[in-house]
Amino acid sequence: MNKQVSQLLSRPMHVATLAVVIGALLVAPIVKADTYDNQINSLKAQNAANSAAINNLQLQAASYQDAINQLQGQINSLQSAINDNEAQQAQLQQQISDDQAKIDKEKSSLAATVKTMYVDGTPSTLEVLATSRDLSDFVDKQTYRNTIQNQLQTLLKQLAADQAKLQTSKDTVDKLLADQRTQQSQLASTQASQAYLLNMNKSQQSDYNKQISANNSKISSLRAQQAAANATLGSKVVAGDPGHGGYPSYLSNAAQDTIVDPWGMYNRECVSYTAWKVYSTYGYMPYWGGRGNANEWPGDARSAGIPTGRTPQVGSVAIWNVGYYGHAMWVEAVNPDGSIYVSQYNYDYTGHYSEMLVSASKAASFTYIYFGN
């Protein structure tokens, strides 16, 4: 049986009232509360979602940047190859021009040589025979003429073949350069797309960071308002018990609002502390975590069949309905003049433990929850 139910059964109570209480405990939805109201919870949830989105965007941005860097490396390598091929292209073109000049020069030189040998430059066989002293002289002249012609033809053929090879090499380099420039253009286009995505990504990150900053400003404003409301108690606050009223060290030593306690409330909040005091004093504490404020505790208690009232008692929880959230305190002592001495967390809204004496007039304005009755 639930510990809370067994304790309630041990108390003297009207049968009908007991049935109502048990029914409420068994079938009523769990009522939750902590000092963080729905606004702050919503803002914190938005910030968590925004932070997760930023983390994902940062991973994407790293991927985009890596792709951009790789593409730039490919572009640089390709540009180096293009530079080499352009130099080779220019060299081949120069060789082709040089060879053409050489062909023209050789043609001119050989033509001049032949022309000096014959008056008209192109003597016929009969003319060569007529001008020869004898047959032997004719054969010598004809042989020399044929030799000169053969040399000219051979040289011209060789120069033409060399020029053709150079042109083929140049055509190959021209095509390679065209392909490389096309590839470089495609890489540059892909890189521009990655850069565009990266810029969009950074813009989204900036928007999320602005939302987080705006939400944090709202949270700070809400906390400041509650702290100002708490300060209207006008009582002197002291550090009090070095042991923080017995509040567990794993909750008190952790940063505020980083741990959810066994009752569903954030650590180092006023309600988390009073929930611990109730549990450590009476052995039970209803699960009232995650939804609502300290000023909702009286209603939550009545829904759970736990009595409330206006008279302070040692070991009761004092609820001050002030500000947006209210404030929960543990009553340590009740003085004859009606003032009370309380221990508390987060009175200053910075998550610290403190104690203070509350005047009778202020104490009379509190609602008290009697978990021990």
Protein backbone atom coordinates (compact mmCIF):
# COMPACT_ATOMS: atom_id res chain seq x y z
CA MET A 1 0.00 0.00 0.00
CA ASN A 2 1.21 3.52 -0.73
CA LYS A 3 2.92 4.96 2.35
CA GLN A 4 0.88 8.12 2.16
CA VAL A 5 -2.38 6.13 2.10
CA SER A 6 -1.32 3.94 5.04
CA GLN A 7 -0.52 6.99 7.14
CA LEU A 8 -3.82 8.59 6.33
CA LEU A 9 -5.61 5.39 7.32
CA SER A 10 -3.90 5.49 10.71
CA ARG A 11 -5.41 8.89 11.50
CA PRO A 12 -8.84 9.25 13.20
CA MET A 13 -11.20 10.45 10.48
CA HIS A 14 -14.83 10.26 9.54
CA VAL A 15 -15.48 7.24 7.30
CA ALA A 16 -17.00 9.34 4.50
CA THR A 17 -14.13 11.81 4.65
CA LEU A 18 -11.64 8.93 4.59
CA ALA A 19 -13.29 7.49 1.50
CA VAL A 20 -13.12 10.84 -0.26
CA VAL A 21 -9.43 11.23 0.60
CA ILE A 22 -8.51 7.70 -0.54
CA GLY A 23 -10.50 8.19 -3.72
CA ALA A 24 -8.72 11.45 -4.41
CA LEU A 25 -5.34 9.83 -3.87
CA LEU A 26 -6.11 6.84 -6.07
CA VAL A 27 -7.96 8.38 -9.00
CA ALA A 28 -7.21 12.10 -8.99
CA PRO A 29 -4.44 13.20 -11.36
CA ILE A 30 -1.13 13.95 -9.69
CA VAL A 31 -0.88 17.63 -8.86
CA LYS A 32 2.57 19.07 -9.43
CA ALA A 33 4.27 22.27 -8.34
CA ASP A 34 7.58 24.06 -8.20
CA THR A 35 8.66 27.65 -8.17
CA TYR A 36 9.14 27.71 -11.92
CA ASP A 37 5.84 28.74 -13.41
CA ASN A 38 4.59 27.70 -16.82
CA GLN A 39 6.13 30.77 -18.42
CA ILE A 40 9.65 30.00 -17.23
CA ASN A 41 9.28 26.28 -17.96
CA SER A 42 8.11 27.13 -21.44
CA LEU A 43 10.99 29.56 -21.96
CA LYS A 44 13.51 27.03 -20.66
CA ALA A 45 12.02 24.37 -22.94
CA GLN A 46 12.28 26.75 -25.88
CA ASN A 47 15.89 27.46 -25.01
CA ALA A 48 16.66 23.75 -24.76
CA ALA A 49 15.05 23.16 -28.16
CA ASN A 50 16.89 26.15 -29.61
CA SER A 51 20.20 24.94 -28.21
CA ALA A 52 19.62 21.50 -29.71
CA ALA A 53 18.80 23.12 -33.04
CA ILE A 54 21.98 25.22 -32.82
CA ASN A 55 24.04 22.09 -32.11
CA ASN A 56 22.58 20.40 -35.19
CA LEU A 57 23.20 23.53 -37.27
CA GLN A 58 26.79 23.69 -36.04
CA LEU A 59 27.32 20.10 -37.17
CA GLN A 60 25.83 20.96 -40.55
CA ALA A 61 27.96 24.11 -40.72
CA ALA A 62 31.09 22.06 -40.05
CA SER A 63 30.06 19.71 -42.86
CA TYR A 64 29.47 22.63 -45.23
CA GLN A 65 32.79 24.22 -44.31
CA ASP A 66 34.60 20.91 -44.77
CA ALA A 67 33.03 20.51 -48.22
CA ILE A 68 34.01 24.08 -49.10
CA ASN A 69 37.59 23.45 -47.99
CA GLN A 70 37.80 20.21 -49.97
CA LEU A 71 36.36 21.89 -53.07
CA GLN A 72 38.81 24.74 -52.70
CA GLY A 73 41.64 22.24 -52.53
CA GLN A 74 40.39 20.58 -55.72
CA ILE A 75 40.01 23.97 -57.40
CA ASN A 76 43.55 24.97 -56.39
CA SER A 77 44.98 21.66 -57.63
CA LEU A 78 43.07 21.98 -60.89
CA GLN A 79 44.25 25.56 -61.33
CA SER A 80 47.84 24.41 -60.89
CA ALA A 81 47.30 21.77 -63.61
CA ILE A 82 45.65 24.39 -65.83
CA ASN A 83 48.63 26.70 -65.36
CA ASP A 84 51.02 23.89 -66.34
CA ASN A 85 48.93 22.98 -69.38
CA GLU A 86 48.63 26.59 -70.45
CA ALA A 87 52.43 26.87 -70.30
CA GLN A 88 52.71 23.67 -72.35
CA GLN A 89 50.11 25.00 -74.78
CA ALA A 90 52.09 28.21 -75.27
CA GLN A 91 55.31 26.21 -75.71
CA LEU A 92 53.73 23.95 -78.36
CA GLN A 93 52.32 26.96 -80.20
CA GLN A 94 55.75 28.53 -80.20
CA GLN A 95 57.31 25.32 -81.56
CA ILE A 96 54.68 25.14 -84.31
CA SER A 97 55.43 28.77 -85.26
CA ASP A 98 59.17 28.10 -85.16
CA ASP A 99 58.79 25.00 -87.37
CA GLN A 100 56.68 26.90 -89.86
CA ALA A 101 59.31 29.58 -90.01
CA LYS A 102 61.94 26.88 -90.48
CA ILE A 103 59.94 25.31 -93.35
CA ASP A 104 59.60 28.66 -95.04
CA LYS A 105 63.30 29.34 -94.62
CA GLU A 106 64.34 25.93 -95.96
CA LYS A 107 62.06 26.27 -98.96
CA SER A 108 63.54 29.68 -99.73
CA SER A 109 67.12 28.47 -99.25
CA LEU A 110 66.71 25.39 -101.45
CA ALA A 111 64.93 27.38 -104.14
CA ALA A 112 67.82 29.85 -104.23
CA THR A 113 70.30 26.98 -104.47
CA VAL A 114 68.52 25.40 -107.40
CA LYS A 115 68.13 28.78 -109.08
CA THR A 116 71.86 29.45 -108.96
CA MET A 117 72.49 26.11 -110.61
CA TYR A 118 70.22 26.81 -113.56
CA VAL A 119 69.59 30.05 -115.26
CA ASP A 120 65.88 29.60 -115.49
CA GLY A 121 65.75 27.73 -112.20
CA THR A 122 63.93 24.71 -113.71
CA PRO A 123 65.91 23.32 -116.69
CA SER A 124 64.40 20.49 -118.65
CA THR A 125 66.20 17.20 -119.27
CA LEU A 126 67.00 18.22 -122.88
CA GLU A 127 68.44 21.52 -121.71
CA VAL A 128 70.59 19.75 -119.18
CA LEU A 129 71.76 17.36 -121.91
CA ALA A 130 72.46 20.20 -124.33
CA THR A 131 74.58 22.06 -121.83
CA SER A 132 76.50 18.99 -120.74
CA ARG A 133 79.99 18.40 -122.10
CA ASP A 134 79.38 14.71 -122.42
CA LEU A 135 77.07 11.99 -121.18
CA SER A 136 78.96 11.63 -117.92
CA ASP A 137 78.55 15.31 -117.25
CA PHE A 138 74.85 14.99 -118.06
CA VAL A 139 74.45 12.10 -115.61
CA ASP A 140 76.27 14.02 -112.89
CA LYS A 141 74.09 17.07 -113.36
CA GLN A 142 70.90 15.03 -113.44
CA THR A 143 71.90 13.04 -110.38
CA TYR A 144 72.73 16.24 -108.47
CA ARG A 145 69.44 17.76 -109.48
CA ASN A 146 67.50 14.70 -108.33
CA THR A 147 69.44 14.62 -105.08
CA ILE A 148 68.61 18.25 -104.37
CA GLN A 149 64.93 17.60 -105.12
CA ASN A 150 64.86 14.51 -102.92
CA GLN A 151 66.52 16.36 -100.06
CA LEU A 152 64.00 19.16 -100.38
CA GLN A 153 61.08 16.75 -100.40
CA THR A 154 62.45 14.75 -97.47
CA LEU A 155 63.06 17.88 -95.41
CA LEU A 156 59.66 19.29 -96.16
CA LYS A 157 57.98 15.96 -95.28
CA GLN A 158 59.90 15.75 -92.00
CA LEU A 159 59.04 19.32 -91.09
CA ALA A 160 55.39 18.72 -91.96
CA ALA A 161 55.33 15.52 -89.88
CA ASP A 162 56.91 17.31 -86.92
CA GLN A 163 54.45 20.12 -87.28
CA ALA A 164 51.54 17.64 -87.43
CA LYS A 165 52.75 15.97 -84.21
CA LEU A 166 53.04 19.32 -82.51
CA GLN A 167 49.55 20.25 -83.66
CA THR A 168 48.18 16.94 -82.37
CA SER A 169 49.84 17.55 -79.01
CA LYS A 170 48.48 21.07 -78.95
CA ASP A 171 44.96 19.83 -79.80
CA THR A 172 45.20 17.34 -76.92
CA VAL A 173 46.32 20.06 -74.53
CA ASP A 174 43.59 22.40 -75.81
CA LYS A 175 40.92 19.77 -75.13
CA LEU A 176 42.38 18.98 -71.69
CA LEU A 177 42.37 22.66 -70.83
CA ALA A 178 38.75 23.02 -71.96
CA ASP A 179 37.74 20.02 -69.82
CA GLN A 180 39.67 21.33 -66.84
CA ARG A 181 38.11 24.76 -67.11
CA THR A 182 34.65 23.18 -67.30
CA GLN A 183 35.41 21.06 -64.24
CA GLN A 184 36.76 24.10 -62.41
CA SER A 185 33.58 26.02 -63.21
CA GLN A 186 31.47 23.14 -61.86
CA LEU A 187 33.55 22.98 -58.67
CA ALA A 188 33.22 26.73 -58.21
CA SER A 189 29.44 26.45 -58.66
CA THR A 190 29.24 23.63 -56.09
CA GLN A 191 31.43 25.62 -53.71
CA ALA A 192 29.17 28.66 -54.10
CA SER A 193 26.16 26.47 -53.23
CA GLN A 194 27.90 25.17 -50.11
CA ALA A 195 28.84 28.72 -49.13
CA TYR A 196 25.21 29.80 -49.57
CA LEU A 197 24.02 26.95 -47.33
CA LEU A 198 26.69 27.84 -44.78
CA ASN A 199 25.58 31.47 -44.70
CA MET A 200 21.94 30.40 -44.28
CA ASN A 201 23.04 28.05 -41.49
CA LYS A 202 24.89 30.83 -39.67
CA SER A 203 21.88 33.11 -40.08
CA GLN A 204 19.66 30.44 -38.48
CA GLN A 205 22.13 30.00 -35.64
CA SER A 206 22.07 33.75 -35.08
CA ASP A 207 18.26 33.74 -34.96
CA TYR A 208 18.21 30.90 -32.41
CA ASN A 209 20.83 32.65 -30.28
CA LYS A 210 18.74 35.82 -30.35
CA GLN A 211 15.69 33.83 -29.19
CA ILE A 212 17.70 32.25 -26.38
CA SER A 213 18.99 35.66 -25.31
CA ALA A 214 15.48 37.12 -25.38
CA ASN A 215 14.12 34.18 -23.35
CA ASN A 216 16.92 34.52 -20.81
CA SER A 217 16.10 38.20 -20.45
CA LYS A 218 12.45 37.31 -19.82
CA ILE A 219 13.44 34.69 -17.25
CA SER A 220 15.74 37.16 -15.49
CA SER A 221 12.94 39.72 -15.44
CA LEU A 222 10.46 37.24 -13.94
CA ARG A 223 12.98 36.17 -11.31
CA ALA A 224 13.76 39.78 -10.45
CA GLN A 225 10.06 40.51 -10.02
CA GLN A 226 9.68 37.55 -7.64
CA ALA A 227 12.83 38.49 -5.73
CA ALA A 228 11.47 42.02 -5.32
CA ALA A 229 8.16 40.60 -4.09
CA ASN A 230 9.99 38.36 -1.59
CA ALA A 231 11.94 41.35 -0.33
CA THR A 232 8.72 43.02 0.79
CA LEU A 233 8.73 40.70 3.81
CA GLY A 234 11.15 43.23 5.23
CA SER A 235 12.76 40.71 7.59
CA LYS A 236 16.42 40.28 8.30
CA VAL A 237 17.82 37.27 6.48
CA VAL A 238 20.71 35.25 7.99
CA ALA A 239 22.78 32.37 6.66
CA GLY A 240 21.63 30.13 9.51
CA ASP A 241 22.35 26.41 9.66
CA PRO A 242 25.63 25.54 7.85
CA GLY A 243 24.05 22.18 7.05
CA HIS A 244 21.27 23.91 5.12
CA GLY A 245 18.54 22.41 7.24
CA GLY A 246 19.59 18.89 6.29
CA TYR A 247 18.92 19.45 2.58
CA PRO A 248 20.82 16.65 0.75
CA SER A 249 24.28 17.62 -0.42
CA TYR A 250 23.78 16.19 -3.90
CA LEU A 251 20.97 18.71 -4.33
CA SER A 252 22.55 21.64 -2.49
CA ASN A 253 26.00 21.32 -4.09
CA ALA A 254 24.75 21.09 -7.66
CA ALA A 255 24.05 24.21 -9.70
CA GLN A 256 20.52 25.50 -9.25
CA ASP A 257 17.85 23.90 -11.45
CA THR A 258 20.15 21.18 -12.82
CA ILE A 259 18.64 18.24 -10.88
CA VAL A 260 15.04 17.15 -10.44
CA ASP A 261 14.48 15.98 -6.87
CA PRO A 262 12.47 12.86 -5.88
CA TRP A 263 9.26 14.94 -5.88
CA GLY A 264 9.74 16.29 -9.40
CA MET A 265 11.02 19.73 -8.43
CA TYR A 266 14.21 21.53 -9.39
CA ASN A 267 16.97 21.56 -6.79
CA ARG A 268 17.68 24.60 -4.60
CA GLU A 269 14.16 25.96 -5.03
CA CYS A 270 11.98 26.83 -2.05
CA VAL A 271 9.49 24.03 -2.75
CA SER A 272 12.22 21.44 -3.25
CA TYR A 273 13.59 22.33 0.18
CA THR A 274 10.21 22.25 1.94
CA ALA A 275 9.36 18.95 0.19
CA TRP A 276 12.56 17.51 1.64
CA LYS A 277 11.69 18.85 5.11
CA VAL A 278 8.24 17.27 4.91
CA TYR A 279 9.69 13.94 3.81
CA SER A 280 12.52 13.91 6.36
CA THR A 281 10.15 14.92 9.18
CA TYR A 282 7.05 12.85 8.41
CA GLY A 283 8.36 10.12 6.13
CA TYR A 284 6.27 11.00 3.09
CA MET A 285 5.76 13.78 0.61
CA PRO A 286 3.24 13.78 -2.26
CA TYR A 287 4.72 13.98 -5.74
CA TRP A 288 3.98 17.59 -6.69
CA GLY A 289 6.68 18.19 -9.30
CA GLY A 290 6.96 19.86 -12.64
CA ARG A 291 3.79 21.96 -12.96
CA GLY A 292 2.81 25.05 -10.98
CA ASN A 293 4.10 27.30 -8.22
CA ALA A 294 4.53 27.52 -4.46
CA ASN A 295 1.33 29.52 -4.25
CA GLU A 296 -0.51 26.47 -5.62
CA TRP A 297 0.57 24.22 -2.77
CA PRO A 298 -2.41 25.03 -0.52
CA GLY A 299 -4.85 23.98 -3.23
CA ASP A 300 -2.77 20.90 -4.05
CA ALA A 301 -2.69 19.97 -0.36
CA ARG A 302 -6.45 20.33 0.05
CA SER A 303 -6.96 18.19 -3.07
CA ALA A 304 -4.81 15.52 -1.41
CA GLY A 305 -6.76 15.75 1.87
CA ILE A 306 -3.95 17.52 3.73
CA PRO A 307 -5.28 20.27 6.04
CA THR A 308 -4.35 23.92 5.72
CA GLY A 309 -4.97 26.95 7.91
CA ARG A 310 -3.89 30.41 9.02
CA THR A 311 -2.29 29.43 12.32
CA PRO A 312 1.46 28.78 12.25
CA GLN A 313 2.72 25.50 13.68
CA VAL A 314 6.24 24.19 14.09
CA GLY A 315 6.87 21.67 11.31
CA SER A 316 4.32 23.17 8.95
CA VAL A 317 4.99 24.67 5.52
CA ALA A 318 4.25 28.39 5.31
CA ILE A 319 3.09 29.63 1.90
CA TRP A 320 3.31 33.30 1.15
CA ASN A 321 1.11 34.18 -1.80
CA VAL A 322 3.25 36.97 -3.19
CA GLY A 323 4.52 37.72 -6.67
CA TYR A 324 3.90 35.40 -9.56
CA TYR A 325 5.03 32.18 -7.89
CA GLY A 326 4.60 32.60 -4.17
CA HIS A 327 7.19 31.44 -1.66
CA ALA A 328 7.40 28.30 0.51
CA MET A 329 9.09 28.26 3.96
CA TRP A 330 9.57 25.70 6.72
CA VAL A 331 8.37 26.84 10.15
CA GLU A 332 11.17 26.21 12.65
CA ALA A 333 9.66 28.05 15.62
CA VAL A 334 6.55 29.98 16.66
CA ASN A 335 7.12 32.78 19.17
CA PRO A 336 4.67 33.99 21.85
CA ASP A 337 4.22 37.31 20.05
CA GLY A 338 3.03 35.51 16.92
CA SER A 339 6.23 35.95 14.94
CA ILE A 340 7.77 32.88 13.40
CA TYR A 341 11.28 31.74 12.55
CA VAL A 342 11.63 30.00 9.20
CA SER A 343 14.24 28.25 7.07
CA GLN A 344 14.07 28.43 3.33
CA TYR A 345 15.77 28.16 -0.05
CA ASN A 346 15.84 30.68 -2.88
CA TYR A 347 14.43 33.63 -0.93
CA ASP A 348 16.94 35.81 -2.79
CA TYR A 349 16.13 33.96 -6.03
CA THR A 350 19.74 32.87 -6.47
CA GLY A 351 19.26 29.37 -5.00
CA HIS A 352 20.77 29.98 -1.52
CA TYR A 353 19.71 28.61 1.86
CA SER A 354 18.75 31.16 4.52
CA GLU A 355 16.79 31.67 7.73
CA MET A 356 14.80 34.65 9.00
CA LEU A 357 12.43 35.96 11.63
CA VAL A 358 9.03 36.93 10.22
CA SER A 359 6.90 39.45 12.09
CA ALA A 360 3.52 38.43 13.49
CA SER A 361 1.67 40.68 11.03
CA LYS A 362 3.38 39.06 8.06
CA ALA A 363 3.06 35.57 9.52
CA ALA A 364 -0.69 36.11 9.87
CA SER A 365 -0.93 36.59 6.09
CA PHE A 366 0.55 33.16 5.31
CA THR A 367 -1.29 29.93 4.59
CA TYR A 368 0.06 26.94 6.51
CA ILE A 369 0.02 23.34 5.37
CA TYR A 370 -0.10 20.80 8.19
CA PHE A 371 1.50 17.68 6.74
CA GLY A 372 1.94 16.22 10.21
CA ASN A 373 -1.72 16.41 11.25
